[in-house]
Amino acid sequence: MNDLHLFSTVSTAVAGIAIALGTMMPAIAMGRAIASALEALARQPEAEKTITRTLFIGLAMIESLAIYCLVIALIILFRNPLLEYFLK
């Protein structure tokens, strides 16, 4: 097994781990945020608009973290700057 093959294999494994963690952690955070919002709505139904607006902004922020992980994993897979080192 040459260095380029090993590097490509490791890069693929790291990208898979990044995607797995990058989707699992925001999913857990989204579940907790929704559970907290439902609990707050049960306690104060008159504050529905404020809680819902804050919930959607928070969910958008959490989802952007998952998208950033996807972008980083795609960079690792397809445009890895260290590949130029191994191709020399």
PDB file of N, CA and C in Angstrom:
ATOM      1  N   MET A   1       0.846  -1.169   0.000  1.00  0.00           N
ATOM      2  CA  MET A   1       0.000   0.000   0.000  1.00  0.00           C
ATOM      3  C   MET A   1       0.896   1.239   0.000  1.00  0.00           C
ATOM      4  N   ASN A   2       0.717   2.083  -1.002  1.00  0.00           N
ATOM      5  CA  ASN A   2       1.555   3.275  -1.068  1.00  0.00           C
ATOM      6  C   ASN A   2       0.959   4.389  -0.208  1.00  0.00           C
ATOM      7  N   ASP A   3       1.706   5.490  -0.104  1.00  0.00           N
ATOM      8  CA  ASP A   3       1.299   6.598   0.767  1.00  0.00           C
ATOM      9  C   ASP A   3       0.022   7.276   0.290  1.00  0.00           C
ATOM     10  N   LEU A   4      -0.151   7.405  -1.018  1.00  0.00           N
ATOM     11  CA  LEU A   4      -1.347   8.065  -1.550  1.00  0.00           C
ATOM     12  C   LEU A   4      -2.595   7.257  -1.235  1.00  0.00           C
ATOM     13  N   HIS A   5      -2.511   5.947  -1.367  1.00  0.00           N
ATOM     14  CA  HIS A   5      -3.662   5.095  -1.065  1.00  0.00           C
ATOM     15  C   HIS A   5      -4.006   5.166   0.428  1.00  0.00           C
ATOM     16  N   LEU A   6      -3.001   5.124   1.271  1.00  0.00           N
ATOM     17  CA  LEU A   6      -3.220   5.224   2.711  1.00  0.00           C
ATOM     18  C   LEU A   6      -3.827   6.571   3.075  1.00  0.00           C
ATOM     19  N   PHE A   7      -3.303   7.637   2.473  1.00  0.00           N
ATOM     20  CA  PHE A   7      -3.816   8.974   2.766  1.00  0.00           C
ATOM     21  C   PHE A   7      -5.267   9.113   2.318  1.00  0.00           C
ATOM     22  N   SER A   8      -5.598   8.580   1.158  1.00  0.00           N
ATOM     23  CA  SER A   8      -6.972   8.641   0.668  1.00  0.00           C
ATOM     24  C   SER A   8      -7.915   7.857   1.573  1.00  0.00           C
ATOM     25  N   THR A   9      -7.473   6.714   2.062  1.00  0.00           N
ATOM     26  CA  THR A   9      -8.289   5.900   2.953  1.00  0.00           C
ATOM     27  C   THR A   9      -8.529   6.620   4.271  1.00  0.00           C
ATOM     28  N   VAL A  10      -7.493   7.197   4.824  1.00  0.00           N
ATOM     29  CA  VAL A  10      -7.633   7.925   6.085  1.00  0.00           C
ATOM     30  C   VAL A  10      -8.520   9.159   5.903  1.00  0.00           C
ATOM     31  N   SER A  11      -8.365   9.860   4.785  1.00  0.00           N
ATOM     32  CA  SER A  11      -9.206  11.027   4.520  1.00  0.00           C
ATOM     33  C   SER A  11     -10.676  10.642   4.414  1.00  0.00           C
ATOM     34  N   THR A  12     -10.944   9.527   3.784  1.00  0.00           N
ATOM     35  CA  THR A  12     -12.328   9.062   3.672  1.00  0.00           C
ATOM     36  C   THR A  12     -12.895   8.682   5.037  1.00  0.00           C
ATOM     37  N   ALA A  13     -12.100   8.038   5.856  1.00  0.00           N
ATOM     38  CA  ALA A  13     -12.552   7.666   7.199  1.00  0.00           C
ATOM     39  C   ALA A  13     -12.817   8.903   8.054  1.00  0.00           C
ATOM     40  N   VAL A  14     -11.939   9.878   7.970  1.00  0.00           N
ATOM     41  CA  VAL A  14     -12.116  11.113   8.738  1.00  0.00           C
ATOM     42  C   VAL A  14     -13.354  11.864   8.263  1.00  0.00           C
ATOM     43  N   ALA A  15     -13.587  11.892   6.964  1.00  0.00           N
ATOM     44  CA  ALA A  15     -14.778  12.552   6.435  1.00  0.00           C
ATOM     45  C   ALA A  15     -16.040  11.839   6.916  1.00  0.00           C
ATOM     46  N   GLY A  16     -16.020  10.520   6.964  1.00  0.00           N
ATOM     47  CA  GLY A  16     -17.171   9.772   7.468  1.00  0.00           C
ATOM     48  C   GLY A  16     -17.442  10.055   8.933  1.00  0.00           C
ATOM     49  N   ILE A  17     -16.396  10.128   9.717  1.00  0.00           N
ATOM     50  CA  ILE A  17     -16.554  10.450  11.139  1.00  0.00           C
ATOM     51  C   ILE A  17     -17.069  11.874  11.310  1.00  0.00           C
ATOM     52  N   ALA A  18     -16.561  12.798  10.502  1.00  0.00           N
ATOM     53  CA  ALA A  18     -17.021  14.191  10.578  1.00  0.00           C
ATOM     54  C   ALA A  18     -18.497  14.298  10.231  1.00  0.00           C
ATOM     55  N   ILE A  19     -18.932  13.579   9.206  1.00  0.00           N
ATOM     56  CA  ILE A  19     -20.347  13.604   8.837  1.00  0.00           C
ATOM     57  C   ILE A  19     -21.192  12.984   9.951  1.00  0.00           C
ATOM     58  N   ALA A  20     -20.728  11.873  10.515  1.00  0.00           N
ATOM     59  CA  ALA A  20     -21.493  11.201  11.574  1.00  0.00           C
ATOM     60  C   ALA A  20     -21.653  12.105  12.792  1.00  0.00           C
ATOM     61  N   LEU A  21     -20.560  12.666  13.264  1.00  0.00           N
ATOM     62  CA  LEU A  21     -20.637  13.555  14.428  1.00  0.00           C
ATOM     63  C   LEU A  21     -21.317  14.869  14.087  1.00  0.00           C
ATOM     64  N   GLY A  22     -21.104  15.330  12.860  1.00  0.00           N
ATOM     65  CA  GLY A  22     -21.680  16.605  12.445  1.00  0.00           C
ATOM     66  C   GLY A  22     -23.178  16.563  12.243  1.00  0.00           C
ATOM     67  N   THR A  23     -23.749  15.382  12.144  1.00  0.00           N
ATOM     68  CA  THR A  23     -25.202  15.281  12.072  1.00  0.00           C
ATOM     69  C   THR A  23     -25.802  14.790  13.391  1.00  0.00           C
ATOM     70  N   MET A  24     -25.042  13.998  14.125  1.00  0.00           N
ATOM     71  CA  MET A  24     -25.569  13.458  15.376  1.00  0.00           C
ATOM     72  C   MET A  24     -25.684  14.539  16.453  1.00  0.00           C
ATOM     73  N   MET A  25     -24.648  15.324  16.619  1.00  0.00           N
ATOM     74  CA  MET A  25     -24.660  16.324  17.686  1.00  0.00           C
ATOM     75  C   MET A  25     -25.715  17.422  17.460  1.00  0.00           C
ATOM     76  N   PRO A  26     -25.821  18.000  16.248  1.00  0.00           N
ATOM     77  CA  PRO A  26     -26.908  18.965  16.048  1.00  0.00           C
ATOM     78  C   PRO A  26     -28.301  18.344  16.186  1.00  0.00           C
ATOM     79  N   ALA A  27     -28.457  17.066  15.836  1.00  0.00           N
ATOM     80  CA  ALA A  27     -29.759  16.414  16.000  1.00  0.00           C
ATOM     81  C   ALA A  27     -30.132  16.315  17.481  1.00  0.00           C
ATOM     82  N   ILE A  28     -29.160  15.998  18.307  1.00  0.00           N
ATOM     83  CA  ILE A  28     -29.411  15.950  19.752  1.00  0.00           C
ATOM     84  C   ILE A  28     -29.756  17.346  20.272  1.00  0.00           C
ATOM     85  N   ALA A  29     -29.016  18.350  19.804  1.00  0.00           N
ATOM     86  CA  ALA A  29     -29.286  19.724  20.234  1.00  0.00           C
ATOM     87  C   ALA A  29     -30.665  20.192  19.779  1.00  0.00           C
ATOM     88  N   MET A  30     -31.066  19.810  18.568  1.00  0.00           N
ATOM     89  CA  MET A  30     -32.401  20.183  18.082  1.00  0.00           C
ATOM     90  C   MET A  30     -33.488  19.526  18.923  1.00  0.00           C
ATOM     91  N   GLY A  31     -33.295  18.272  19.269  1.00  0.00           N
ATOM     92  CA  GLY A  31     -34.271  17.583  20.108  1.00  0.00           C
ATOM     93  C   GLY A  31     -34.424  18.240  21.465  1.00  0.00           C
ATOM     94  N   ARG A  32     -33.307  18.617  22.048  1.00  0.00           N
ATOM     95  CA  ARG A  32     -33.368  19.298  23.351  1.00  0.00           C
ATOM     96  C   ARG A  32     -34.032  20.671  23.236  1.00  0.00           C
ATOM     97  N   ALA A  33     -33.730  21.395  22.164  1.00  0.00           N
ATOM     98  CA  ALA A  33     -34.328  22.721  21.976  1.00  0.00           C
ATOM     99  C   ALA A  33     -35.836  22.620  21.799  1.00  0.00           C
ATOM    100  N   ILE A  34     -36.274  21.654  21.010  1.00  0.00           N
ATOM    101  CA  ILE A  34     -37.715  21.489  20.794  1.00  0.00           C
ATOM    102  C   ILE A  34     -38.406  21.047  22.077  1.00  0.00           C
ATOM    103  N   ALA A  35     -37.775  20.154  22.822  1.00  0.00           N
ATOM    104  CA  ALA A  35     -38.366  19.713  24.092  1.00  0.00           C
ATOM    105  C   ALA A  35     -38.479  20.879  25.078  1.00  0.00           C
ATOM    106  N   SER A  36     -37.458  21.707  25.127  1.00  0.00           N
ATOM    107  CA  SER A  36     -37.504  22.868  26.027  1.00  0.00           C
ATOM    108  C   SER A  36     -38.561  23.867  25.583  1.00  0.00           C
ATOM    109  N   ALA A  37     -38.694  24.060  24.275  1.00  0.00           N
ATOM    110  CA  ALA A  37     -39.701  24.986  23.767  1.00  0.00           C
ATOM    111  C   ALA A  37     -41.114  24.479  24.074  1.00  0.00           C
ATOM    112  N   LEU A  38     -41.336  23.180  23.922  1.00  0.00           N
ATOM    113  CA  LEU A  38     -42.656  22.631  24.243  1.00  0.00           C
ATOM    114  C   LEU A  38     -42.964  22.750  25.730  1.00  0.00           C
ATOM    115  N   GLU A  39     -41.936  22.554  26.546  1.00  0.00           N
ATOM    116  CA  GLU A  39     -42.131  22.715  27.990  1.00  0.00           C
ATOM    117  C   GLU A  39     -42.452  24.173  28.336  1.00  0.00           C
ATOM    118  N   ALA A  40     -41.762  25.098  27.687  1.00  0.00           N
ATOM    119  CA  ALA A  40     -42.030  26.515  27.925  1.00  0.00           C
ATOM    120  C   ALA A  40     -43.421  26.901  27.435  1.00  0.00           C
ATOM    121  N   LEU A  41     -43.849  26.346  26.311  1.00  0.00           N
ATOM    122  CA  LEU A  41     -45.203  26.621  25.817  1.00  0.00           C
ATOM    123  C   LEU A  41     -46.264  26.062  26.743  1.00  0.00           C
ATOM    124  N   ALA A  42     -45.992  24.925  27.363  1.00  0.00           N
ATOM    125  CA  ALA A  42     -46.953  24.354  28.305  1.00  0.00           C
ATOM    126  C   ALA A  42     -47.072  25.214  29.557  1.00  0.00           C
ATOM    127  N   ARG A  43     -45.966  25.836  29.953  1.00  0.00           N
ATOM    128  CA  ARG A  43     -46.003  26.676  31.155  1.00  0.00           C
ATOM    129  C   ARG A  43     -46.596  28.050  30.883  1.00  0.00           C
ATOM    130  N   GLN A  44     -46.265  28.630  29.713  1.00  0.00           N
ATOM    131  CA  GLN A  44     -46.730  29.979  29.388  1.00  0.00           C
ATOM    132  C   GLN A  44     -47.302  30.008  27.968  1.00  0.00           C
ATOM    133  N   PRO A  45     -48.527  29.600  27.796  1.00  0.00           N
ATOM    134  CA  PRO A  45     -49.107  29.576  26.447  1.00  0.00           C
ATOM    135  C   PRO A  45     -49.246  30.970  25.831  1.00  0.00           C
ATOM    136  N   GLU A  46     -49.319  32.003  26.656  1.00  0.00           N
ATOM    137  CA  GLU A  46     -49.469  33.369  26.128  1.00  0.00           C
ATOM    138  C   GLU A  46     -48.190  33.871  25.460  1.00  0.00           C
ATOM    139  N   ALA A  47     -47.054  33.242  25.712  1.00  0.00           N
ATOM    140  CA  ALA A  47     -45.781  33.650  25.112  1.00  0.00           C
ATOM    141  C   ALA A  47     -45.435  32.817  23.884  1.00  0.00           C
ATOM    142  N   GLU A  48     -46.461  32.308  23.214  1.00  0.00           N
ATOM    143  CA  GLU A  48     -46.235  31.394  22.096  1.00  0.00           C
ATOM    144  C   GLU A  48     -45.436  32.028  20.967  1.00  0.00           C
ATOM    145  N   LYS A  49     -45.765  33.257  20.594  1.00  0.00           N
ATOM    146  CA  LYS A  49     -45.076  33.897  19.467  1.00  0.00           C
ATOM    147  C   LYS A  49     -43.594  34.110  19.759  1.00  0.00           C
ATOM    148  N   THR A  50     -43.280  34.574  20.938  1.00  0.00           N
ATOM    149  CA  THR A  50     -41.887  34.815  21.305  1.00  0.00           C
ATOM    150  C   THR A  50     -41.096  33.514  21.372  1.00  0.00           C
ATOM    151  N   ILE A  51     -41.674  32.510  21.975  1.00  0.00           N
ATOM    152  CA  ILE A  51     -40.976  31.226  22.107  1.00  0.00           C
ATOM    153  C   ILE A  51     -40.771  30.590  20.740  1.00  0.00           C
ATOM    154  N   THR A  52     -41.794  30.631  19.895  1.00  0.00           N
ATOM    155  CA  THR A  52     -41.686  30.023  18.564  1.00  0.00           C
ATOM    156  C   THR A  52     -40.645  30.732  17.714  1.00  0.00           C
ATOM    157  N   ARG A  53     -40.643  32.048  17.752  1.00  0.00           N
ATOM    158  CA  ARG A  53     -39.663  32.811  16.976  1.00  0.00           C
ATOM    159  C   ARG A  53     -38.241  32.494  17.444  1.00  0.00           C
ATOM    160  N   THR A  54     -38.034  32.480  18.743  1.00  0.00           N
ATOM    161  CA  THR A  54     -36.713  32.168  19.284  1.00  0.00           C
ATOM    162  C   THR A  54     -36.307  30.729  18.955  1.00  0.00           C
ATOM    163  N   LEU A  55     -37.275  29.810  18.987  1.00  0.00           N
ATOM    164  CA  LEU A  55     -36.998  28.414  18.656  1.00  0.00           C
ATOM    165  C   LEU A  55     -36.533  28.282  17.213  1.00  0.00           C
ATOM    166  N   PHE A  56     -37.226  28.935  16.285  1.00  0.00           N
ATOM    167  CA  PHE A  56     -36.845  28.812  14.878  1.00  0.00           C
ATOM    168  C   PHE A  56     -35.484  29.435  14.588  1.00  0.00           C
ATOM    169  N   ILE A  57     -35.161  30.527  15.238  1.00  0.00           N
ATOM    170  CA  ILE A  57     -33.832  31.122  15.062  1.00  0.00           C
ATOM    171  C   ILE A  57     -32.760  30.178  15.614  1.00  0.00           C
ATOM    172  N   GLY A  58     -33.014  29.597  16.775  1.00  0.00           N
ATOM    173  CA  GLY A  58     -32.068  28.654  17.350  1.00  0.00           C
ATOM    174  C   GLY A  58     -31.897  27.402  16.504  1.00  0.00           C
ATOM    175  N   LEU A  59     -32.995  26.893  15.953  1.00  0.00           N
ATOM    176  CA  LEU A  59     -32.905  25.708  15.097  1.00  0.00           C
ATOM    177  C   LEU A  59     -32.125  26.009  13.823  1.00  0.00           C
ATOM    178  N   ALA A  60     -32.285  27.208  13.290  1.00  0.00           N
ATOM    179  CA  ALA A  60     -31.517  27.580  12.096  1.00  0.00           C
ATOM    180  C   ALA A  60     -30.023  27.647  12.406  1.00  0.00           C
ATOM    181  N   MET A  61     -29.676  28.168  13.574  1.00  0.00           N
ATOM    182  CA  MET A  61     -28.265  28.213  13.970  1.00  0.00           C
ATOM    183  C   MET A  61     -27.695  26.804  14.144  1.00  0.00           C
ATOM    184  N   ILE A  62     -28.467  25.923  14.774  1.00  0.00           N
ATOM    185  CA  ILE A  62     -28.011  24.548  14.974  1.00  0.00           C
ATOM    186  C   ILE A  62     -27.840  23.844  13.636  1.00  0.00           C
ATOM    187  N   GLU A  63     -28.791  24.038  12.727  1.00  0.00           N
ATOM    188  CA  GLU A  63     -28.719  23.386  11.417  1.00  0.00           C
ATOM    189  C   GLU A  63     -27.533  23.887  10.610  1.00  0.00           C
ATOM    190  N   SER A  64     -27.163  25.157  10.792  1.00  0.00           N
ATOM    191  CA  SER A  64     -26.004  25.675  10.063  1.00  0.00           C
ATOM    192  C   SER A  64     -24.721  24.970  10.499  1.00  0.00           C
ATOM    193  N   LEU A  65     -24.644  24.526  11.746  1.00  0.00           N
ATOM    194  CA  LEU A  65     -23.471  23.770  12.191  1.00  0.00           C
ATOM    195  C   LEU A  65     -23.347  22.449  11.443  1.00  0.00           C
ATOM    196  N   ALA A  66     -24.471  21.779  11.216  1.00  0.00           N
ATOM    197  CA  ALA A  66     -24.447  20.526  10.457  1.00  0.00           C
ATOM    198  C   ALA A  66     -24.014  20.777   9.015  1.00  0.00           C
ATOM    199  N   ILE A  67     -24.453  21.882   8.439  1.00  0.00           N
ATOM    200  CA  ILE A  67     -24.066  22.215   7.065  1.00  0.00           C
ATOM    201  C   ILE A  67     -22.574  22.528   6.995  1.00  0.00           C
ATOM    202  N   TYR A  68     -22.039  23.211   7.997  1.00  0.00           N
ATOM    203  CA  TYR A  68     -20.596  23.484   8.021  1.00  0.00           C
ATOM    204  C   TYR A  68     -19.805  22.182   8.085  1.00  0.00           C
ATOM    205  N   CYS A  69     -20.264  21.216   8.869  1.00  0.00           N
ATOM    206  CA  CYS A  69     -19.580  19.914   8.935  1.00  0.00           C
ATOM    207  C   CYS A  69     -19.609  19.216   7.591  1.00  0.00           C
ATOM    208  N   LEU A  70     -20.731  19.313   6.893  1.00  0.00           N
ATOM    209  CA  LEU A  70     -20.823  18.714   5.564  1.00  0.00           C
ATOM    210  C   LEU A  70     -19.833  19.364   4.604  1.00  0.00           C
ATOM    211  N   VAL A  71     -19.721  20.680   4.645  1.00  0.00           N
ATOM    212  CA  VAL A  71     -18.791  21.387   3.761  1.00  0.00           C
ATOM    213  C   VAL A  71     -17.351  20.986   4.062  1.00  0.00           C
ATOM    214  N   ILE A  72     -16.995  20.911   5.318  1.00  0.00           N
ATOM    215  CA  ILE A  72     -15.634  20.521   5.690  1.00  0.00           C
ATOM    216  C   ILE A  72     -15.349  19.089   5.244  1.00  0.00           C
ATOM    217  N   ALA A  73     -16.308  18.189   5.411  1.00  0.00           N
ATOM    218  CA  ALA A  73     -16.104  16.809   4.972  1.00  0.00           C
ATOM    219  C   ALA A  73     -15.933  16.731   3.459  1.00  0.00           C
ATOM    220  N   LEU A  74     -16.692  17.516   2.719  1.00  0.00           N
ATOM    221  CA  LEU A  74     -16.539  17.526   1.259  1.00  0.00           C
ATOM    222  C   LEU A  74     -15.187  18.097   0.845  1.00  0.00           C
ATOM    223  N   ILE A  75     -14.702  19.090   1.567  1.00  0.00           N
ATOM    224  CA  ILE A  75     -13.370  19.624   1.281  1.00  0.00           C
ATOM    225  C   ILE A  75     -12.312  18.561   1.553  1.00  0.00           C
ATOM    226  N   ILE A  76     -12.463  17.830   2.657  1.00  0.00           N
ATOM    227  CA  ILE A  76     -11.507  16.766   2.973  1.00  0.00           C
ATOM    228  C   ILE A  76     -11.491  15.718   1.872  1.00  0.00           C
ATOM    229  N   LEU A  77     -12.671  15.378   1.363  1.00  0.00           N
ATOM    230  CA  LEU A  77     -12.752  14.326   0.352  1.00  0.00           C
ATOM    231  C   LEU A  77     -12.268  14.760  -1.027  1.00  0.00           C
ATOM    232  N   PHE A  78     -12.692  15.944  -1.471  1.00  0.00           N
ATOM    233  CA  PHE A  78     -12.495  16.291  -2.873  1.00  0.00           C
ATOM    234  C   PHE A  78     -11.426  17.338  -3.155  1.00  0.00           C
ATOM    235  N   ARG A  79     -11.105  18.181  -2.206  1.00  0.00           N
ATOM    236  CA  ARG A  79     -10.102  19.218  -2.468  1.00  0.00           C
ATOM    237  C   ARG A  79      -9.139  19.307  -1.305  1.00  0.00           C
ATOM    238  N   ASN A  80      -8.518  18.204  -1.012  1.00  0.00           N
ATOM    239  CA  ASN A  80      -7.578  18.155   0.093  1.00  0.00           C
ATOM    240  C   ASN A  80      -6.243  18.744  -0.359  1.00  0.00           C
ATOM    241  N   PRO A  81      -5.773  19.804   0.273  1.00  0.00           N
ATOM    242  CA  PRO A  81      -4.522  20.430  -0.155  1.00  0.00           C
ATOM    243  C   PRO A  81      -3.293  19.540   0.065  1.00  0.00           C
ATOM    244  N   LEU A  82      -3.392  18.544   0.936  1.00  0.00           N
ATOM    245  CA  LEU A  82      -2.249  17.676   1.175  1.00  0.00           C
ATOM    246  C   LEU A  82      -2.047  16.645   0.070  1.00  0.00           C
ATOM    247  N   LEU A  83      -3.048  16.464  -0.794  1.00  0.00           N
ATOM    248  CA  LEU A  83      -2.887  15.521  -1.905  1.00  0.00           C
ATOM    249  C   LEU A  83      -1.782  15.967  -2.852  1.00  0.00           C
ATOM    250  N   GLU A  84      -1.593  17.262  -3.002  1.00  0.00           N
ATOM    251  CA  GLU A  84      -0.538  17.779  -3.865  1.00  0.00           C
ATOM    252  C   GLU A  84       0.836  17.340  -3.358  1.00  0.00           C
ATOM    253  N   TYR A  85       0.970  17.235  -2.062  1.00  0.00           N
ATOM    254  CA  TYR A  85       2.228  16.778  -1.468  1.00  0.00           C
ATOM    255  C   TYR A  85       2.524  15.326  -1.858  1.00  0.00           C
ATOM    256  N   PHE A  86       1.501  14.487  -1.841  1.00  0.00           N
ATOM    257  CA  PHE A  86       1.695  13.076  -2.153  1.00  0.00           C
ATOM    258  C   PHE A  86       1.835  12.815  -3.659  1.00  0.00           C
ATOM    259  N   LEU A  87       1.334  13.717  -4.474  1.00  0.00           N
ATOM    260  CA  LEU A  87       1.421  13.519  -5.920  1.00  0.00           C
ATOM    261  C   LEU A  87       2.774  13.924  -6.485  1.00  0.00           C
ATOM    262  N   LYS A  88       3.593  14.617  -5.717  1.00  0.00           N
ATOM    263  CA  LYS A  88       4.914  15.045  -6.197  1.00  0.00           C
ATOM    264  C   LYS A  88       5.884  13.896  -6.265  1.00  0.00           C
TER     265      LYS A  88
END
